[in-house]
Amino acid sequence: MTHVAGPDFRYGGRVIQRCMVCGAVLADNLNASLPLNPDGTVPEFPTWPRGELVRVATGHPTSFAVLNHVDGDPLPADSCIDIA
């Protein structure tokens, strides 16, 4: 299913990003583990670029991919717009 990345929400160390259309969670750092940067600092938790189309293929493992698109193009057939 394809989602539209919304703004990320950061509070008290928590980072959450949802779809702007249906509210599906696209990123959440709860219980996430990332390697430290080479200088020993904690890395910034990655999020999707706001407004980009993110295709999520559920399974084992679940995969995420940003789709190439031009603003104004129709949404893909697997867009979440029909379930919102």
Protein backbone atom coordinates (compact mmCIF):
# COMPACT_ATOMS: atom_id res chain seq x y z
CA MET A 1 0.00 0.00 0.00
CA THR A 2 1.24 3.50 -0.79
CA HIS A 3 1.07 6.29 1.81
CA VAL A 4 1.85 10.03 1.87
CA ALA A 5 4.52 10.84 4.48
CA GLY A 6 3.36 13.43 6.98
CA PRO A 7 5.45 15.63 9.26
CA ASP A 8 7.41 13.87 11.96
CA PHE A 9 6.42 14.42 15.60
CA ARG A 10 9.23 14.65 18.17
CA TYR A 11 8.61 14.81 21.90
CA GLY A 12 10.71 13.66 24.83
CA GLY A 13 13.02 11.63 22.63
CA ARG A 14 10.18 9.90 20.79
CA VAL A 15 9.94 10.24 17.00
CA ILE A 16 6.74 9.24 15.18
CA GLN A 17 5.76 9.79 11.55
CA ARG A 18 2.35 8.94 10.11
CA CYS A 19 0.64 8.97 6.74
CA MET A 20 -1.11 12.30 6.08
CA VAL A 21 -4.05 10.49 4.46
CA CYS A 22 -4.90 7.45 6.59
CA GLY A 23 -2.74 7.88 9.70
CA ALA A 24 -0.74 4.67 9.30
CA VAL A 25 2.54 4.68 11.22
CA LEU A 26 5.49 5.01 8.83
CA ALA A 27 8.26 5.54 11.41
CA ASP A 28 8.46 5.15 15.20
CA ASN A 29 11.61 4.99 17.28
CA LEU A 30 10.01 3.15 20.22
CA ASN A 31 12.35 0.23 21.03
CA ALA A 32 14.49 1.10 17.99
CA SER A 33 18.21 0.58 18.13
CA LEU A 34 20.74 2.37 15.94
CA PRO A 35 24.53 2.17 15.99
CA LEU A 36 26.30 5.20 17.41
CA ASN A 37 27.99 7.64 15.04
CA PRO A 38 31.76 7.14 14.65
CA ASP A 39 32.33 10.00 17.11
CA GLY A 40 30.15 8.30 19.75
CA THR A 41 27.13 10.60 19.41
CA VAL A 42 23.58 9.30 19.08
CA PRO A 43 22.36 9.44 15.46
CA GLU A 44 19.18 11.25 14.48
CA PHE A 45 16.31 8.82 13.89
CA PRO A 46 15.55 8.79 10.13
CA THR A 47 12.13 9.77 8.79
CA TRP A 48 10.62 9.96 5.31
CA PRO A 49 10.64 13.27 3.42
CA ARG A 50 7.33 15.05 4.09
CA GLY A 51 4.88 14.69 1.20
CA GLU A 52 6.71 11.82 -0.48
CA LEU A 53 4.89 8.65 -1.52
CA VAL A 54 6.04 5.70 0.59
CA ARG A 55 5.13 2.18 -0.55
CA VAL A 56 4.88 -0.30 2.31
CA ALA A 57 4.95 -4.01 1.48
CA THR A 58 3.96 -5.99 4.55
CA GLY A 59 5.41 -9.40 5.18
CA HIS A 60 8.53 -10.81 6.73
CA PRO A 61 10.33 -8.52 6.48
CA THR A 62 8.15 -5.47 5.85
CA SER A 63 9.75 -3.21 3.25
CA PHE A 64 9.47 0.53 2.65
CA ALA A 65 10.37 2.45 -0.53
CA VAL A 66 9.96 6.05 -1.69
CA LEU A 67 8.26 6.21 -5.11
CA ASN A 68 9.36 8.58 -7.83
CA HIS A 69 6.51 10.91 -8.75
CA VAL A 70 5.70 14.37 -10.01
CA ASP A 71 3.37 16.57 -7.95
CA GLY A 72 -0.05 16.53 -9.57
CA ASP A 73 0.28 13.02 -10.98
CA PRO A 74 -2.52 10.61 -10.03
CA LEU A 75 -1.93 8.53 -6.91
CA PRO A 76 -0.90 4.90 -7.50
CA ALA A 77 -3.65 2.29 -7.66
CA ASP A 78 -2.53 0.90 -4.27
CA SER A 79 -2.85 4.28 -2.52
CA CYS A 80 -4.44 4.37 0.93
CA ILE A 81 -6.79 7.17 -0.19
CA ASP A 82 -9.63 4.68 -0.70
CA ILE A 83 -9.45 3.36 2.89
CA ALA A 84 -9.20 6.77 4.57
